[in-house]
Amino acid sequence: MNASKNKLLRATTSKVSALATIFALTFASAATFAQGNSQTNKLTEDVVVSGTEYQPNLVQEDGLHLKVKKQLKGAKPQNTATNKGALSAQTEKGPLSRESARIDDDIDFWIYDSYVTLTADIDYDGYYSSFTLEFDVDTIYQSAPIYAVIYTSTSEEFTPFYTTNIYNIYGDNTQDAIIIENDLVTGFPSNEYELMVVIYDADTDEVLAVSDGTDDADLAYLSLESENYEYVETVEVVVVEHGGALGVWLFAGLGLVAYRRLRV
C-alpha cells in the first residue's frame, strides 16, 4: 500500500512540476511579447506636440496678445499669410545635422538669446512633458518676415518637431521676441534632449540664423519626455503584482488536487 502511495506521489509531483513549467513558460512568453510590442511602439509612434505661440510685448489693435494654438505632427508647417499679405514659402522640413544647418546662415540675421523654462513633470521623475521656449531674433534690416522651426536631438542629427507661424521682426528690437509653450504629447521617450532653433526667411525659405546647445547653454541637456511616458512605472508594478497573485493561487490549487488524490 505504501509503495502504491509513493508511486502515486512521484507521478503527481512530476505532473505538478510539468504544469508549473508550462505556466512559467507561458507567462515568460507573454511578457517577452508585451515587451517587444512596447519597444515597437516606441520606435513607430508619431511625434505630436501641442503648442501656443505669441509675442508677449506686441499687442493687437484691441490691446490683446495674439496667441496661436496649434497641434503639430512631425513639424509640418502650414501655408499662411504674413501681416503684409506676402505668401509663405514654407516647406516641410526633414532632419538636419548640426553642421549642415549652419552652412548657409545669413550674417545679417542672428538669434540674440534663448530661454527655456521647464514647466510640467506630472509623475515627478525629473523628466518634463511641458516647457516654454522664448527667443529673440534680430536683423540689420528695419523689418523682415520670418518663421522658426524647432528641432530636437539626443545625438548629432536633429529632427523637427515644431514650426511657428510667420511673424515679423524689427531690427534689433527686443520687443519682438516670441514665446512658444510646448506640450509634448507623444514621440519623446525619457531622455536628455538638445534643442536647435532655425530661423527661415518667410519669402525665400532660406536659412537665416541658427542656435543650439553649443552656443546657448539653455538649449542643452533638457530632461524631457512626452505625456504618454508619464506613470509608466505605476502601470508596470500593477501588472507584476497581478501576475504574482495568480501564480500563488495556481500552485495552491495544484497542491490541493495532489493532496486529494493521495487521500484516495
C-alpha atoms as a PDB file:
ATOM      1  CA  MET A   1       0.000   0.000   0.000  1.00  0.00           C
ATOM      2  CA  ASN A   2       2.820   2.397   0.947  1.00  0.00           C
ATOM      3  CA  ALA A   3       4.638   1.532  -2.284  1.00  0.00           C
ATOM      4  CA  SER A   4       1.492   2.332  -4.229  1.00  0.00           C
ATOM      5  CA  LYS A   5       1.108   5.674  -2.464  1.00  0.00           C
ATOM      6  CA  ASN A   6       4.777   6.534  -3.049  1.00  0.00           C
ATOM      7  CA  LYS A   7       4.376   5.696  -6.725  1.00  0.00           C
ATOM      8  CA  LEU A   8       1.273   7.885  -6.950  1.00  0.00           C
ATOM      9  CA  LEU A   9       3.071  10.696  -5.096  1.00  0.00           C
ATOM     10  CA  ARG A  10       6.002  10.593  -7.523  1.00  0.00           C
ATOM     11  CA  ALA A  11       3.646  10.633 -10.505  1.00  0.00           C
ATOM     12  CA  THR A  12       1.612  13.530  -9.088  1.00  0.00           C
ATOM     13  CA  THR A  13       4.742  15.527  -8.250  1.00  0.00           C
ATOM     14  CA  SER A  14       6.001  15.017 -11.784  1.00  0.00           C
ATOM     15  CA  LYS A  15       2.703  16.269 -13.236  1.00  0.00           C
ATOM     16  CA  VAL A  16       2.687  19.306 -10.940  1.00  0.00           C
ATOM     17  CA  SER A  17       6.255  20.166 -11.981  1.00  0.00           C
ATOM     18  CA  ALA A  18       5.339  19.791 -15.652  1.00  0.00           C
ATOM     19  CA  LEU A  19       2.284  22.036 -15.277  1.00  0.00           C
ATOM     20  CA  ALA A  20       4.300  24.613 -13.346  1.00  0.00           C
ATOM     21  CA  THR A  21       6.929  24.635 -16.110  1.00  0.00           C
ATOM     22  CA  ILE A  22       4.261  25.107 -18.800  1.00  0.00           C
ATOM     23  CA  PHE A  23       2.663  28.022 -16.964  1.00  0.00           C
ATOM     24  CA  ALA A  24       6.055  29.624 -16.287  1.00  0.00           C
ATOM     25  CA  LEU A  25       6.995  29.409 -19.963  1.00  0.00           C
ATOM     26  CA  THR A  26       3.606  30.817 -20.946  1.00  0.00           C
ATOM     27  CA  PHE A  27       3.981  33.848 -18.665  1.00  0.00           C
ATOM     28  CA  ALA A  28       7.565  34.404 -19.824  1.00  0.00           C
ATOM     29  CA  SER A  29       6.500  34.308 -23.484  1.00  0.00           C
ATOM     30  CA  ALA A  30       3.648  36.722 -22.804  1.00  0.00           C
ATOM     31  CA  ALA A  31       5.988  39.132 -21.010  1.00  0.00           C
ATOM     32  CA  THR A  32       8.513  38.960 -23.846  1.00  0.00           C
ATOM     33  CA  PHE A  33       5.786  39.576 -26.424  1.00  0.00           C
ATOM     34  CA  ALA A  34       4.445  42.551 -24.477  1.00  0.00           C
ATOM     35  CA  GLN A  35       7.932  43.998 -24.118  1.00  0.00           C
ATOM     36  CA  GLY A  36       8.542  43.562 -27.843  1.00  0.00           C
ATOM     37  CA  ASN A  37       5.315  45.361 -28.652  1.00  0.00           C
ATOM     38  CA  SER A  38       6.251  48.143 -26.255  1.00  0.00           C
ATOM     39  CA  GLN A  39       9.639  48.618 -27.945  1.00  0.00           C
ATOM     40  CA  THR A  40       7.980  48.589 -31.387  1.00  0.00           C
ATOM     41  CA  ASN A  41       5.504  51.250 -30.287  1.00  0.00           C
ATOM     42  CA  LYS A  42       8.356  53.429 -29.025  1.00  0.00           C
ATOM     43  CA  LEU A  43      10.062  53.228 -32.412  1.00  0.00           C
ATOM     44  CA  THR A  44       6.961  53.817 -34.535  1.00  0.00           C
ATOM     45  CA  GLU A  45       4.902  56.311 -32.510  1.00  0.00           C
ATOM     46  CA  ASP A  46       4.239  59.706 -34.046  1.00  0.00           C
ATOM     47  CA  VAL A  47       5.849  62.876 -32.751  1.00  0.00           C
ATOM     48  CA  VAL A  48       2.940  65.096 -31.718  1.00  0.00           C
ATOM     49  CA  VAL A  49       3.380  68.453 -29.971  1.00  0.00           C
ATOM     50  CA  SER A  50       0.668  70.841 -28.820  1.00  0.00           C
ATOM     51  CA  GLY A  51       1.845  74.434 -28.700  1.00  0.00           C
ATOM     52  CA  THR A  52       0.792  78.016 -28.063  1.00  0.00           C
ATOM     53  CA  GLU A  53       2.905  80.785 -29.574  1.00  0.00           C
ATOM     54  CA  TYR A  54       2.765  84.540 -29.085  1.00  0.00           C
ATOM     55  CA  GLN A  55       4.852  87.712 -28.905  1.00  0.00           C
ATOM     56  CA  PRO A  56       4.252  88.984 -25.351  1.00  0.00           C
ATOM     57  CA  ASN A  57       5.489  92.527 -25.977  1.00  0.00           C
ATOM     58  CA  LEU A  58       3.459  93.143 -29.140  1.00  0.00           C
ATOM     59  CA  VAL A  59      -0.286  93.661 -28.950  1.00  0.00           C
ATOM     60  CA  GLN A  60      -3.137  93.837 -31.427  1.00  0.00           C
ATOM     61  CA  GLU A  61      -5.263  96.914 -32.055  1.00  0.00           C
ATOM     62  CA  ASP A  62      -7.697  95.715 -29.381  1.00  0.00           C
ATOM     63  CA  GLY A  63      -4.861  95.661 -26.844  1.00  0.00           C
ATOM     64  CA  LEU A  64      -4.682  91.850 -26.611  1.00  0.00           C
ATOM     65  CA  HIS A  65      -1.818  89.486 -27.351  1.00  0.00           C
ATOM     66  CA  LEU A  66      -2.193  87.367 -30.466  1.00  0.00           C
ATOM     67  CA  LYS A  67      -1.946  83.758 -29.263  1.00  0.00           C
ATOM     68  CA  VAL A  68      -1.863  80.987 -31.844  1.00  0.00           C
ATOM     69  CA  LYS A  69      -2.702  77.495 -30.575  1.00  0.00           C
ATOM     70  CA  LYS A  70      -1.640  74.537 -32.724  1.00  0.00           C
ATOM     71  CA  GLN A  71      -1.154  70.801 -32.528  1.00  0.00           C
ATOM     72  CA  LEU A  72       1.566  69.658 -34.887  1.00  0.00           C
ATOM     73  CA  LYS A  73       2.501  66.190 -36.085  1.00  0.00           C
ATOM     74  CA  GLY A  74       6.101  65.974 -37.219  1.00  0.00           C
ATOM     75  CA  ALA A  75       6.504  69.768 -37.502  1.00  0.00           C
ATOM     76  CA  LYS A  76       4.581  70.152 -40.727  1.00  0.00           C
ATOM     77  CA  PRO A  77       4.261  73.885 -41.468  1.00  0.00           C
ATOM     78  CA  GLN A  78       1.121  75.489 -42.809  1.00  0.00           C
ATOM     79  CA  ASN A  79       0.952  77.928 -45.710  1.00  0.00           C
ATOM     80  CA  THR A  80      -0.202  81.135 -44.055  1.00  0.00           C
ATOM     81  CA  ALA A  81      -0.042  84.808 -44.955  1.00  0.00           C
ATOM     82  CA  THR A  82       2.020  87.409 -43.151  1.00  0.00           C
ATOM     83  CA  ASN A  83       0.511  90.631 -41.857  1.00  0.00           C
ATOM     84  CA  LYS A  84       1.562  92.299 -45.109  1.00  0.00           C
ATOM     85  CA  GLY A  85      -0.129  89.659 -47.238  1.00  0.00           C
ATOM     86  CA  ALA A  86       3.001  88.027 -48.618  1.00  0.00           C
ATOM     87  CA  LEU A  87       2.592  84.273 -49.174  1.00  0.00           C
ATOM     88  CA  SER A  88       4.771  81.871 -47.249  1.00  0.00           C
ATOM     89  CA  ALA A  89       7.382  79.735 -48.977  1.00  0.00           C
ATOM     90  CA  GLN A  90       7.381  77.230 -46.094  1.00  0.00           C
ATOM     91  CA  THR A  91       8.158  73.641 -46.973  1.00  0.00           C
ATOM     92  CA  GLU A  92       8.121  70.534 -44.824  1.00  0.00           C
ATOM     93  CA  LYS A  93      11.459  70.156 -43.062  1.00  0.00           C
ATOM     94  CA  GLY A  94      13.458  66.964 -42.568  1.00  0.00           C
ATOM     95  CA  PRO A  95      16.279  66.007 -40.191  1.00  0.00           C
ATOM     96  CA  LEU A  96      19.394  68.199 -40.115  1.00  0.00           C
ATOM     97  CA  SER A  97      22.903  67.736 -38.829  1.00  0.00           C
ATOM     98  CA  ARG A  98      24.447  70.477 -36.730  1.00  0.00           C
ATOM     99  CA  GLU A  99      26.933  71.338 -39.488  1.00  0.00           C
ATOM    100  CA  SER A 100      24.501  71.332 -42.412  1.00  0.00           C
ATOM    101  CA  ALA A 101      22.101  73.652 -40.590  1.00  0.00           C
ATOM    102  CA  ARG A 102      24.797  76.347 -40.376  1.00  0.00           C
ATOM    103  CA  ILE A 103      26.177  76.137 -43.914  1.00  0.00           C
ATOM    104  CA  ASP A 104      24.011  78.879 -45.436  1.00  0.00           C
ATOM    105  CA  ASP A 105      23.037  81.052 -42.471  1.00  0.00           C
ATOM    106  CA  ASP A 106      22.945  84.809 -43.106  1.00  0.00           C
ATOM    107  CA  ILE A 107      25.233  87.162 -41.160  1.00  0.00           C
ATOM    108  CA  ASP A 108      22.535  89.862 -41.411  1.00  0.00           C
ATOM    109  CA  PHE A 109      20.307  87.847 -39.031  1.00  0.00           C
ATOM    110  CA  TRP A 110      21.065  86.336 -35.626  1.00  0.00           C
ATOM    111  CA  ILE A 111      19.352  84.908 -32.554  1.00  0.00           C
ATOM    112  CA  TYR A 112      20.187  87.302 -29.735  1.00  0.00           C
ATOM    113  CA  ASP A 113      19.234  84.953 -26.890  1.00  0.00           C
ATOM    114  CA  SER A 114      17.071  81.951 -25.979  1.00  0.00           C
ATOM    115  CA  TYR A 115      15.442  80.904 -22.725  1.00  0.00           C
ATOM    116  CA  VAL A 116      13.916  77.568 -21.725  1.00  0.00           C
ATOM    117  CA  THR A 117      11.663  77.051 -18.715  1.00  0.00           C
ATOM    118  CA  LEU A 118      10.633  73.508 -17.769  1.00  0.00           C
ATOM    119  CA  THR A 119       7.044  73.682 -16.544  1.00  0.00           C
ATOM    120  CA  ALA A 120       5.344  70.281 -16.003  1.00  0.00           C
ATOM    121  CA  ASP A 121       6.651  66.997 -14.585  1.00  0.00           C
ATOM    122  CA  ILE A 122       3.445  65.091 -13.814  1.00  0.00           C
ATOM    123  CA  ASP A 123       4.989  61.937 -12.314  1.00  0.00           C
ATOM    124  CA  TYR A 124       7.886  63.746 -10.563  1.00  0.00           C
ATOM    125  CA  ASP A 125      10.572  61.599 -12.186  1.00  0.00           C
ATOM    126  CA  GLY A 126      12.714  64.562 -13.243  1.00  0.00           C
ATOM    127  CA  TYR A 127      11.573  64.480 -16.903  1.00  0.00           C
ATOM    128  CA  TYR A 128       9.250  67.233 -18.101  1.00  0.00           C
ATOM    129  CA  SER A 129       6.464  66.909 -20.674  1.00  0.00           C
ATOM    130  CA  SER A 130       5.883  70.679 -20.953  1.00  0.00           C
ATOM    131  CA  PHE A 131       8.290  73.567 -21.390  1.00  0.00           C
ATOM    132  CA  THR A 132       8.391  77.157 -22.582  1.00  0.00           C
ATOM    133  CA  LEU A 133      10.876  78.370 -25.181  1.00  0.00           C
ATOM    134  CA  GLU A 134      11.500  82.078 -25.724  1.00  0.00           C
ATOM    135  CA  PHE A 135      13.924  83.572 -28.233  1.00  0.00           C
ATOM    136  CA  ASP A 136      14.662  86.949 -29.809  1.00  0.00           C
ATOM    137  CA  VAL A 137      15.727  87.211 -33.464  1.00  0.00           C
ATOM    138  CA  ASP A 138      17.471  90.380 -34.676  1.00  0.00           C
ATOM    139  CA  THR A 139      18.470  91.767 -38.070  1.00  0.00           C
ATOM    140  CA  ILE A 140      20.246  94.736 -39.624  1.00  0.00           C
ATOM    141  CA  TYR A 141      17.100  95.495 -41.624  1.00  0.00           C
ATOM    142  CA  GLN A 142      14.222  97.640 -40.424  1.00  0.00           C
ATOM    143  CA  SER A 143      11.823  94.676 -40.531  1.00  0.00           C
ATOM    144  CA  ALA A 144      11.604  91.179 -42.007  1.00  0.00           C
ATOM    145  CA  PRO A 145       9.047  88.335 -42.118  1.00  0.00           C
ATOM    146  CA  ILE A 146      10.399  85.070 -40.724  1.00  0.00           C
ATOM    147  CA  TYR A 147       9.351  81.770 -39.200  1.00  0.00           C
ATOM    148  CA  ALA A 148      11.160  79.357 -36.906  1.00  0.00           C
ATOM    149  CA  VAL A 149      11.490  75.577 -36.865  1.00  0.00           C
ATOM    150  CA  ILE A 150      12.391  73.946 -33.563  1.00  0.00           C
ATOM    151  CA  TYR A 151      14.486  70.783 -33.830  1.00  0.00           C
ATOM    152  CA  THR A 152      15.423  68.283 -31.138  1.00  0.00           C
ATOM    153  CA  SER A 153      18.134  65.660 -30.787  1.00  0.00           C
ATOM    154  CA  THR A 154      19.876  63.200 -28.491  1.00  0.00           C
ATOM    155  CA  SER A 155      22.826  62.944 -30.928  1.00  0.00           C
ATOM    156  CA  GLU A 156      24.257  65.000 -33.806  1.00  0.00           C
ATOM    157  CA  GLU A 157      21.183  64.677 -36.046  1.00  0.00           C
ATOM    158  CA  PHE A 158      18.247  66.965 -35.253  1.00  0.00           C
ATOM    159  CA  THR A 159      14.593  66.226 -36.017  1.00  0.00           C
ATOM    160  CA  PRO A 160      11.962  68.997 -36.439  1.00  0.00           C
ATOM    161  CA  PHE A 161       9.006  68.928 -34.063  1.00  0.00           C
ATOM    162  CA  TYR A 162       7.509  72.431 -34.122  1.00  0.00           C
ATOM    163  CA  THR A 163       7.087  75.150 -36.765  1.00  0.00           C
ATOM    164  CA  THR A 164       5.865  78.630 -35.887  1.00  0.00           C
ATOM    165  CA  ASN A 165       3.551  80.748 -37.949  1.00  0.00           C
ATOM    166  CA  ILE A 166       5.141  83.585 -39.901  1.00  0.00           C
ATOM    167  CA  TYR A 167       5.809  86.695 -37.842  1.00  0.00           C
ATOM    168  CA  ASN A 168       7.719  89.956 -38.236  1.00  0.00           C
ATOM    169  CA  ILE A 169      10.905  91.094 -36.522  1.00  0.00           C
ATOM    170  CA  TYR A 170      12.044  94.727 -36.292  1.00  0.00           C
ATOM    171  CA  GLY A 171      15.788  95.427 -36.385  1.00  0.00           C
ATOM    172  CA  ASP A 172      17.437  94.679 -33.048  1.00  0.00           C
ATOM    173  CA  ASN A 173      14.281  95.464 -31.075  1.00  0.00           C
ATOM    174  CA  THR A 174      13.903  93.170 -28.045  1.00  0.00           C
ATOM    175  CA  GLN A 175      10.129  93.726 -28.026  1.00  0.00           C
ATOM    176  CA  ASP A 176       9.547  91.280 -30.912  1.00  0.00           C
ATOM    177  CA  ALA A 177      10.699  88.155 -29.023  1.00  0.00           C
ATOM    178  CA  ILE A 178       8.428  85.124 -29.388  1.00  0.00           C
ATOM    179  CA  ILE A 179       7.314  82.597 -26.764  1.00  0.00           C
ATOM    180  CA  ILE A 180       6.288  79.017 -27.536  1.00  0.00           C
ATOM    181  CA  GLU A 181       4.561  76.966 -24.833  1.00  0.00           C
ATOM    182  CA  ASN A 182       5.104  73.302 -25.746  1.00  0.00           C
ATOM    183  CA  ASP A 183       3.203  70.230 -24.538  1.00  0.00           C
ATOM    184  CA  LEU A 184       4.889  67.022 -25.717  1.00  0.00           C
ATOM    185  CA  VAL A 185       2.020  64.631 -26.456  1.00  0.00           C
ATOM    186  CA  THR A 186       3.795  61.600 -27.963  1.00  0.00           C
ATOM    187  CA  GLY A 187       7.131  60.632 -29.506  1.00  0.00           C
ATOM    188  CA  PHE A 188       9.582  61.676 -26.769  1.00  0.00           C
ATOM    189  CA  PRO A 189      10.989  58.792 -24.669  1.00  0.00           C
ATOM    190  CA  SER A 190      12.530  59.926 -21.369  1.00  0.00           C
ATOM    191  CA  ASN A 191      15.972  61.325 -22.197  1.00  0.00           C
ATOM    192  CA  GLU A 192      18.285  64.341 -22.176  1.00  0.00           C
ATOM    193  CA  TYR A 193      17.486  66.425 -25.266  1.00  0.00           C
ATOM    194  CA  GLU A 194      19.120  69.322 -27.061  1.00  0.00           C
ATOM    195  CA  LEU A 195      17.111  71.931 -28.954  1.00  0.00           C
ATOM    196  CA  MET A 196      18.115  73.714 -32.146  1.00  0.00           C
ATOM    197  CA  VAL A 197      16.283  76.838 -33.337  1.00  0.00           C
ATOM    198  CA  VAL A 198      16.500  77.506 -37.077  1.00  0.00           C
ATOM    199  CA  ILE A 199      15.151  80.776 -38.491  1.00  0.00           C
ATOM    200  CA  TYR A 200      13.888  80.802 -42.094  1.00  0.00           C
ATOM    201  CA  ASP A 201      13.102  83.645 -44.496  1.00  0.00           C
ATOM    202  CA  ALA A 202       9.320  83.633 -44.997  1.00  0.00           C
ATOM    203  CA  ASP A 203       9.688  84.754 -48.623  1.00  0.00           C
ATOM    204  CA  THR A 204      12.527  82.529 -49.860  1.00  0.00           C
ATOM    205  CA  ASP A 205      12.545  79.678 -47.273  1.00  0.00           C
ATOM    206  CA  GLU A 206      16.317  80.124 -46.864  1.00  0.00           C
ATOM    207  CA  VAL A 207      18.082  79.631 -43.528  1.00  0.00           C
ATOM    208  CA  LEU A 208      18.821  82.959 -41.825  1.00  0.00           C
ATOM    209  CA  ALA A 209      20.084  82.078 -38.345  1.00  0.00           C
ATOM    210  CA  VAL A 210      20.743  79.022 -36.154  1.00  0.00           C
ATOM    211  CA  SER A 211      21.210  78.469 -32.434  1.00  0.00           C
ATOM    212  CA  ASP A 212      21.749  75.220 -30.497  1.00  0.00           C
ATOM    213  CA  GLY A 213      23.288  73.923 -27.299  1.00  0.00           C
ATOM    214  CA  THR A 214      26.841  74.670 -28.437  1.00  0.00           C
ATOM    215  CA  ASP A 215      26.301  78.442 -28.403  1.00  0.00           C
ATOM    216  CA  ASP A 216      23.452  78.709 -25.879  1.00  0.00           C
ATOM    217  CA  ALA A 217      23.530  76.502 -22.777  1.00  0.00           C
ATOM    218  CA  ASP A 218      19.781  76.976 -22.231  1.00  0.00           C
ATOM    219  CA  LEU A 219      19.141  74.739 -25.234  1.00  0.00           C
ATOM    220  CA  ALA A 220      21.245  71.794 -23.996  1.00  0.00           C
ATOM    221  CA  TYR A 221      20.669  68.898 -21.556  1.00  0.00           C
ATOM    222  CA  LEU A 222      16.907  69.258 -21.211  1.00  0.00           C
ATOM    223  CA  SER A 223      15.264  66.374 -19.321  1.00  0.00           C
ATOM    224  CA  LEU A 224      12.136  65.732 -21.387  1.00  0.00           C
ATOM    225  CA  GLU A 225       9.522  63.051 -22.026  1.00  0.00           C
ATOM    226  CA  SER A 226       6.139  63.088 -23.756  1.00  0.00           C
ATOM    227  CA  GLU A 227       2.885  62.701 -21.864  1.00  0.00           C
ATOM    228  CA  ASN A 228       2.475  59.038 -22.858  1.00  0.00           C
ATOM    229  CA  TYR A 229       5.608  58.207 -20.822  1.00  0.00           C
ATOM    230  CA  GLU A 230       4.120  59.575 -17.599  1.00  0.00           C
ATOM    231  CA  TYR A 231       3.095  56.980 -14.945  1.00  0.00           C
ATOM    232  CA  VAL A 232       4.714  54.078 -16.838  1.00  0.00           C
ATOM    233  CA  GLU A 233       6.302  52.626 -13.697  1.00  0.00           C
ATOM    234  CA  THR A 234       2.981  52.541 -11.832  1.00  0.00           C
ATOM    235  CA  VAL A 235       1.330  50.524 -14.600  1.00  0.00           C
ATOM    236  CA  GLU A 236       4.195  48.011 -14.662  1.00  0.00           C
ATOM    237  CA  VAL A 237       4.000  47.465 -10.882  1.00  0.00           C
ATOM    238  CA  VAL A 238       0.287  46.657 -11.124  1.00  0.00           C
ATOM    239  CA  VAL A 239       0.930  44.066 -13.848  1.00  0.00           C
ATOM    240  CA  VAL A 240       3.725  42.380 -11.879  1.00  0.00           C
ATOM    241  CA  GLU A 241       1.686  42.160  -8.678  1.00  0.00           C
ATOM    242  CA  HIS A 242      -1.265  40.711 -10.577  1.00  0.00           C
ATOM    243  CA  GLY A 243       0.936  38.017 -12.129  1.00  0.00           C
ATOM    244  CA  GLY A 244       2.430  37.075  -8.731  1.00  0.00           C
ATOM    245  CA  ALA A 245      -1.003  36.654  -7.107  1.00  0.00           C
ATOM    246  CA  LEU A 246      -2.152  34.406  -9.956  1.00  0.00           C
ATOM    247  CA  GLY A 247       0.911  32.203  -9.501  1.00  0.00           C
ATOM    248  CA  VAL A 248       0.180  31.722  -5.776  1.00  0.00           C
ATOM    249  CA  TRP A 249      -3.415  30.603  -6.403  1.00  0.00           C
ATOM    250  CA  LEU A 250      -2.276  28.310  -9.227  1.00  0.00           C
ATOM    251  CA  PHE A 251       0.188  26.398  -7.060  1.00  0.00           C
ATOM    252  CA  ALA A 252      -2.279  26.268  -4.152  1.00  0.00           C
ATOM    253  CA  GLY A 253      -4.877  24.670  -6.456  1.00  0.00           C
ATOM    254  CA  LEU A 254      -2.426  22.144  -7.851  1.00  0.00           C
ATOM    255  CA  GLY A 255      -1.325  21.214  -4.323  1.00  0.00           C
ATOM    256  CA  LEU A 256      -4.932  20.642  -3.276  1.00  0.00           C
ATOM    257  CA  VAL A 257      -5.522  18.291  -6.246  1.00  0.00           C
ATOM    258  CA  ALA A 258      -2.400  16.310  -5.413  1.00  0.00           C
ATOM    259  CA  TYR A 259      -3.439  16.017  -1.755  1.00  0.00           C
ATOM    260  CA  ARG A 260      -6.905  14.719  -2.622  1.00  0.00           C
ATOM    261  CA  ARG A 261      -5.513  12.096  -4.984  1.00  0.00           C
ATOM    262  CA  LEU A 262      -3.145  10.889  -2.290  1.00  0.00           C
ATOM    263  CA  ARG A 263      -6.032  10.523   0.154  1.00  0.00           C
ATOM    264  CA  VAL A 264      -7.764   8.253  -2.334  1.00  0.00           C
END
